[in-house]
Amino acid sequence: MADWHPMLAAEEGPPGVWTMLAPFGEVYGRVEIRRQGETVFYRSWFRNTELIQTGTLRQATMLVHRAYIATLSPGPPPGGIYPDLWRRTQLPTNR
């Protein structure tokens, strides 16, 4: 579905905290907005494991969702469940 994005699985509440919900209502992750000085960033958790800090909510929800999708396969992918997820969030450049 071209118009769906993992941000649609995120429910906000309290303000600045998004809970990621599976189709049957299971909570599988969390994203929180944080500020350190002038820098604003997002922290992502999949279940109880912190994934990475990102610069956008879109990247943060994508990281959590990809970690969730990886657990739905019959076995872990080569390299583990979280191989280089931060690199996958960057869009490919069109040349």
N, C-alpha and C. Protein backbone atom coordinates (compact mmCIF):
# COMPACT_ATOMS: atom_id res chain seq x y z
N MET A 1 0.85 -1.17 0.00
CA MET A 1 0.00 0.00 0.00
C MET A 1 0.90 1.23 0.00
N ALA A 2 0.79 2.05 -1.00
CA ALA A 2 1.71 3.16 -1.20
C ALA A 2 1.52 4.28 -0.18
N ASP A 3 0.35 4.44 0.39
CA ASP A 3 0.10 5.55 1.29
C ASP A 3 0.23 5.18 2.77
N TRP A 4 0.68 3.97 3.07
CA TRP A 4 0.84 3.55 4.46
C TRP A 4 2.28 3.74 4.89
N HIS A 5 2.50 4.13 6.12
CA HIS A 5 3.83 4.28 6.70
C HIS A 5 3.74 3.84 8.15
N PRO A 6 4.84 3.31 8.72
CA PRO A 6 4.81 2.88 10.12
C PRO A 6 4.38 3.95 11.11
N MET A 7 4.48 5.24 10.74
CA MET A 7 3.99 6.28 11.65
C MET A 7 2.50 6.09 11.92
N LEU A 8 1.79 5.44 11.01
CA LEU A 8 0.36 5.21 11.21
C LEU A 8 0.11 4.17 12.31
N ALA A 9 1.13 3.39 12.67
CA ALA A 9 1.00 2.42 13.76
C ALA A 9 1.33 3.06 15.11
N ALA A 10 1.73 4.32 15.09
CA ALA A 10 2.14 5.02 16.31
C ALA A 10 0.98 5.83 16.88
N GLU A 11 0.73 5.65 18.16
CA GLU A 11 -0.29 6.43 18.86
C GLU A 11 0.40 7.32 19.87
N GLU A 12 0.10 8.62 19.83
CA GLU A 12 0.76 9.57 20.73
C GLU A 12 -0.03 9.72 22.02
N GLY A 13 0.68 9.74 23.11
CA GLY A 13 0.10 9.98 24.41
C GLY A 13 0.95 9.34 25.49
N PRO A 14 1.43 10.05 26.40
CA PRO A 14 1.38 11.49 26.59
C PRO A 14 2.13 12.23 25.48
N PRO A 15 2.01 13.56 25.42
CA PRO A 15 2.67 14.32 24.36
C PRO A 15 4.17 14.01 24.29
N GLY A 16 4.65 13.78 23.06
CA GLY A 16 6.06 13.51 22.84
C GLY A 16 6.46 12.05 22.98
N VAL A 17 5.49 11.17 23.25
CA VAL A 17 5.76 9.73 23.37
C VAL A 17 4.79 9.00 22.45
N TRP A 18 5.33 8.22 21.52
CA TRP A 18 4.52 7.44 20.59
C TRP A 18 4.69 5.96 20.91
N THR A 19 3.57 5.26 21.02
CA THR A 19 3.56 3.82 21.26
C THR A 19 3.23 3.15 19.94
N MET A 20 4.06 2.17 19.56
CA MET A 20 3.86 1.45 18.31
C MET A 20 3.00 0.22 18.58
N LEU A 21 1.90 0.09 17.85
CA LEU A 21 0.96 -0.99 18.08
C LEU A 21 0.87 -1.92 16.88
N ALA A 22 0.89 -3.22 17.15
CA ALA A 22 0.69 -4.25 16.11
C ALA A 22 -0.79 -4.26 15.74
N PRO A 23 -1.15 -4.90 14.63
CA PRO A 23 -2.56 -4.92 14.20
C PRO A 23 -3.55 -5.42 15.25
N PHE A 24 -3.12 -6.31 16.15
CA PHE A 24 -4.04 -6.83 17.16
C PHE A 24 -3.91 -6.11 18.50
N GLY A 25 -3.25 -4.94 18.52
CA GLY A 25 -3.18 -4.12 19.72
C GLY A 25 -1.97 -4.35 20.60
N GLU A 26 -1.09 -5.26 20.23
CA GLU A 26 0.12 -5.53 21.02
C GLU A 26 1.10 -4.36 20.88
N VAL A 27 1.63 -3.89 22.00
CA VAL A 27 2.64 -2.83 21.97
C VAL A 27 3.99 -3.47 21.65
N TYR A 28 4.62 -3.02 20.57
CA TYR A 28 5.92 -3.59 20.21
C TYR A 28 7.05 -2.58 20.24
N GLY A 29 6.75 -1.32 20.45
CA GLY A 29 7.84 -0.34 20.49
C GLY A 29 7.37 1.01 20.99
N ARG A 30 8.35 1.90 21.13
CA ARG A 30 8.09 3.23 21.65
C ARG A 30 9.09 4.20 21.04
N VAL A 31 8.64 5.43 20.80
CA VAL A 31 9.49 6.50 20.31
C VAL A 31 9.24 7.71 21.20
N GLU A 32 10.31 8.36 21.62
CA GLU A 32 10.18 9.56 22.45
C GLU A 32 10.99 10.69 21.84
N ILE A 33 10.42 11.87 21.88
CA ILE A 33 11.16 13.05 21.42
C ILE A 33 11.97 13.58 22.60
N ARG A 34 13.20 13.96 22.33
CA ARG A 34 14.10 14.45 23.37
C ARG A 34 14.78 15.73 22.90
N ARG A 35 15.25 16.51 23.86
CA ARG A 35 15.98 17.73 23.55
C ARG A 35 17.22 17.76 24.43
N GLN A 36 18.35 18.06 23.80
CA GLN A 36 19.60 18.23 24.53
C GLN A 36 20.19 19.55 24.04
N GLY A 37 20.05 20.58 24.86
CA GLY A 37 20.46 21.91 24.43
C GLY A 37 19.55 22.36 23.30
N GLU A 38 20.12 22.73 22.17
CA GLU A 38 19.35 23.15 21.00
C GLU A 38 18.99 21.98 20.08
N THR A 39 19.54 20.80 20.36
CA THR A 39 19.34 19.64 19.49
C THR A 39 18.09 18.88 19.89
N VAL A 40 17.24 18.61 18.91
CA VAL A 40 16.04 17.79 19.11
C VAL A 40 16.26 16.48 18.38
N PHE A 41 15.96 15.35 19.04
CA PHE A 41 16.13 14.05 18.43
C PHE A 41 15.06 13.10 18.96
N TYR A 42 14.99 11.91 18.36
CA TYR A 42 14.02 10.90 18.75
C TYR A 42 14.76 9.65 19.21
N ARG A 43 14.30 9.06 20.31
CA ARG A 43 14.84 7.79 20.79
C ARG A 43 13.85 6.70 20.48
N SER A 44 14.34 5.58 19.97
CA SER A 44 13.48 4.46 19.56
C SER A 44 13.78 3.23 20.41
N TRP A 45 12.73 2.55 20.81
CA TRP A 45 12.86 1.27 21.51
C TRP A 45 12.01 0.24 20.79
N PHE A 46 12.58 -0.96 20.62
CA PHE A 46 11.80 -2.10 20.16
C PHE A 46 11.71 -3.04 21.35
N ARG A 47 10.50 -3.26 21.80
CA ARG A 47 10.24 -3.98 23.05
C ARG A 47 11.05 -3.27 24.14
N ASN A 48 12.08 -3.84 24.72
CA ASN A 48 12.85 -3.14 25.76
C ASN A 48 14.26 -2.82 25.33
N THR A 49 14.54 -2.87 24.05
CA THR A 49 15.89 -2.63 23.53
C THR A 49 15.93 -1.29 22.81
N GLU A 50 16.82 -0.42 23.25
CA GLU A 50 16.97 0.86 22.56
C GLU A 50 17.67 0.62 21.23
N LEU A 51 17.11 1.18 20.16
CA LEU A 51 17.68 0.97 18.84
C LEU A 51 18.72 2.04 18.51
N ILE A 52 18.28 3.26 18.33
CA ILE A 52 19.18 4.31 17.88
C ILE A 52 18.48 5.66 18.05
N GLN A 53 19.25 6.71 18.10
CA GLN A 53 18.68 8.04 18.12
C GLN A 53 18.68 8.58 16.69
N THR A 54 17.55 9.16 16.28
CA THR A 54 17.42 9.66 14.92
C THR A 54 16.96 11.11 14.94
N GLY A 55 17.01 11.72 13.79
CA GLY A 55 16.65 13.13 13.68
C GLY A 55 15.20 13.39 13.34
N THR A 56 14.46 12.36 12.89
CA THR A 56 13.07 12.58 12.52
C THR A 56 12.18 11.48 13.09
N LEU A 57 10.92 11.82 13.28
CA LEU A 57 9.94 10.85 13.75
C LEU A 57 9.75 9.76 12.70
N ARG A 58 9.80 10.12 11.45
CA ARG A 58 9.64 9.15 10.36
C ARG A 58 10.72 8.07 10.45
N GLN A 59 11.98 8.47 10.62
CA GLN A 59 13.07 7.50 10.74
C GLN A 59 12.90 6.64 11.98
N ALA A 60 12.53 7.26 13.09
CA ALA A 60 12.40 6.53 14.35
C ALA A 60 11.32 5.45 14.26
N THR A 61 10.16 5.80 13.71
CA THR A 61 9.10 4.79 13.60
C THR A 61 9.47 3.70 12.61
N MET A 62 10.20 4.05 11.56
CA MET A 62 10.62 3.05 10.59
C MET A 62 11.58 2.05 11.22
N LEU A 63 12.51 2.52 12.05
CA LEU A 63 13.44 1.61 12.73
C LEU A 63 12.71 0.61 13.62
N VAL A 64 11.77 1.10 14.40
CA VAL A 64 11.02 0.23 15.30
C VAL A 64 10.20 -0.77 14.49
N HIS A 65 9.57 -0.30 13.44
CA HIS A 65 8.73 -1.18 12.63
C HIS A 65 9.55 -2.26 11.93
N ARG A 66 10.72 -1.90 11.41
CA ARG A 66 11.58 -2.90 10.75
C ARG A 66 12.05 -3.96 11.74
N ALA A 67 12.35 -3.54 12.96
CA ALA A 67 12.74 -4.51 13.98
C ALA A 67 11.58 -5.47 14.26
N TYR A 68 10.36 -4.94 14.32
CA TYR A 68 9.17 -5.77 14.55
C TYR A 68 8.97 -6.74 13.39
N ILE A 69 9.05 -6.27 12.17
CA ILE A 69 8.86 -7.12 10.99
C ILE A 69 9.90 -8.24 10.97
N ALA A 70 11.14 -7.93 11.38
CA ALA A 70 12.20 -8.95 11.39
C ALA A 70 11.87 -10.10 12.32
N THR A 71 11.09 -9.85 13.36
CA THR A 71 10.74 -10.93 14.30
C THR A 71 9.63 -11.82 13.78
N LEU A 72 8.97 -11.44 12.71
CA LEU A 72 7.87 -12.22 12.17
C LEU A 72 8.33 -13.35 11.26
N SER A 73 9.60 -13.35 10.89
CA SER A 73 10.11 -14.41 10.03
C SER A 73 10.39 -15.66 10.86
N PRO A 74 10.50 -16.83 10.23
CA PRO A 74 10.73 -18.06 10.98
C PRO A 74 12.07 -18.10 11.72
N GLY A 75 13.04 -17.35 11.29
CA GLY A 75 14.33 -17.30 11.95
C GLY A 75 14.95 -15.93 11.75
N PRO A 76 15.95 -15.59 12.54
CA PRO A 76 16.56 -14.27 12.38
C PRO A 76 17.27 -14.16 11.04
N PRO A 77 17.29 -12.97 10.45
CA PRO A 77 18.00 -12.80 9.19
C PRO A 77 19.50 -12.91 9.41
N PRO A 78 20.27 -13.15 8.36
CA PRO A 78 21.72 -13.22 8.52
C PRO A 78 22.24 -11.93 9.15
N GLY A 79 23.08 -12.05 10.14
CA GLY A 79 23.63 -10.87 10.81
C GLY A 79 22.84 -10.44 12.03
N GLY A 80 21.77 -11.16 12.39
CA GLY A 80 21.00 -10.82 13.58
C GLY A 80 19.74 -10.05 13.25
N ILE A 81 19.03 -9.63 14.27
CA ILE A 81 17.75 -8.95 14.09
C ILE A 81 17.94 -7.48 13.71
N TYR A 82 19.00 -6.83 14.16
CA TYR A 82 19.16 -5.40 13.94
C TYR A 82 20.41 -5.06 13.12
N PRO A 83 20.66 -5.65 11.98
CA PRO A 83 21.90 -5.34 11.27
C PRO A 83 21.84 -3.99 10.56
N ASP A 84 22.64 -3.06 10.99
CA ASP A 84 22.80 -1.76 10.33
C ASP A 84 21.49 -1.08 9.98
N LEU A 85 20.54 -1.07 10.90
CA LEU A 85 19.25 -0.45 10.60
C LEU A 85 19.36 1.03 10.29
N TRP A 86 20.30 1.72 10.90
CA TRP A 86 20.40 3.16 10.66
C TRP A 86 20.75 3.45 9.22
N ARG A 87 21.47 2.58 8.55
CA ARG A 87 21.81 2.81 7.15
C ARG A 87 20.60 2.64 6.24
N ARG A 88 19.68 1.77 6.61
CA ARG A 88 18.51 1.52 5.78
C ARG A 88 17.53 2.68 5.80
N THR A 89 17.62 3.58 6.76
CA THR A 89 16.67 4.68 6.84
C THR A 89 17.01 5.79 5.87
N GLN A 90 18.21 5.77 5.31
CA GLN A 90 18.60 6.81 4.38
C GLN A 90 18.05 6.48 3.00
N LEU A 91 17.48 7.49 2.36
CA LEU A 91 16.89 7.28 1.05
C LEU A 91 17.95 7.13 -0.02
N PRO A 92 17.74 6.26 -1.01
CA PRO A 92 18.71 6.13 -2.08
C PRO A 92 18.71 7.39 -2.95
N THR A 93 19.85 7.71 -3.49
CA THR A 93 19.96 8.89 -4.34
C THR A 93 19.70 8.47 -5.78
N ASN A 94 18.91 9.27 -6.47
CA ASN A 94 18.63 9.00 -7.89
C ASN A 94 19.68 9.71 -8.73
N ARG A 95 20.29 8.98 -9.61
CA ARG A 95 21.31 9.58 -10.47
C ARG A 95 20.92 9.48 -11.89
